[in-house]
Each structure stands twice: as structure tokens, then as C-alpha cells.
Amino acid sequence: MKFIEVLKNKKFLLLNIFLTLYVGINLIGGERGLFSYIKKKNFETLLMQDSINLLGKVKIIENKNQLLSKKNDLDYLDILYRDKLKFGNKDEIIIKLK
């Protein structure tokens, strides 16, 4: 009985404590909390690294495409023939290393 009277008298204090705990817990562990922020930041860093790697690969492919499309680079064509078709001259010995 005395406990109920204390609750009635201090309900504003209890409400403030409850709201503070609720906000504090959601600030740290909620969907938009600290742990979620750290996880999303790590994922963003990973995506940025993947983006940089993909841009490098695109640049290499564009360079190869430029060598074949605008004016034929005979040295690059020779490299492609030898690599893809295993083509060589009569006096050459081809050794497969892989």
C-alpha cells in the first residue's frame, strides 16, 4: 500500500527515468543507433574500396578497347594472338606456364 502511494507521488520522476532509459537504449542499440552507424560506416568503406577497384578495371578495359578500335596497335594484336590462340612462328618454342 505504501509502495502505491510512493508511485502516485513520484510518477513524474518515474516517467522521466523511463523516458531517459528508452532514449538511451535506442540511441546506442536501435536501428539508427551507434552500433548500426558503425556497421553502416564499415559497409560504406567496403563499397568505396570496391568502387575504386572497379574503376581501375574499367580504365584497363577502356585502354585495351582503345588499342583495338581507333587505330590497330600491331604490338597489342601480336600479344593477343600469342596469348589467346597459342600462335607462334616456325622457329619459336611455346611453353605453357600455367
Foldseek 3Di string as FASTA:
>chain_A
DVVVVVCVVCVVVVVVVVVVVVVVCCQDDNCPHDVVVVVVVVVVVVVVVVVVVVVVVVVVVVVVVVCPPPDPDVVVVVVCCCPPVVDDDPPDDDDDDD
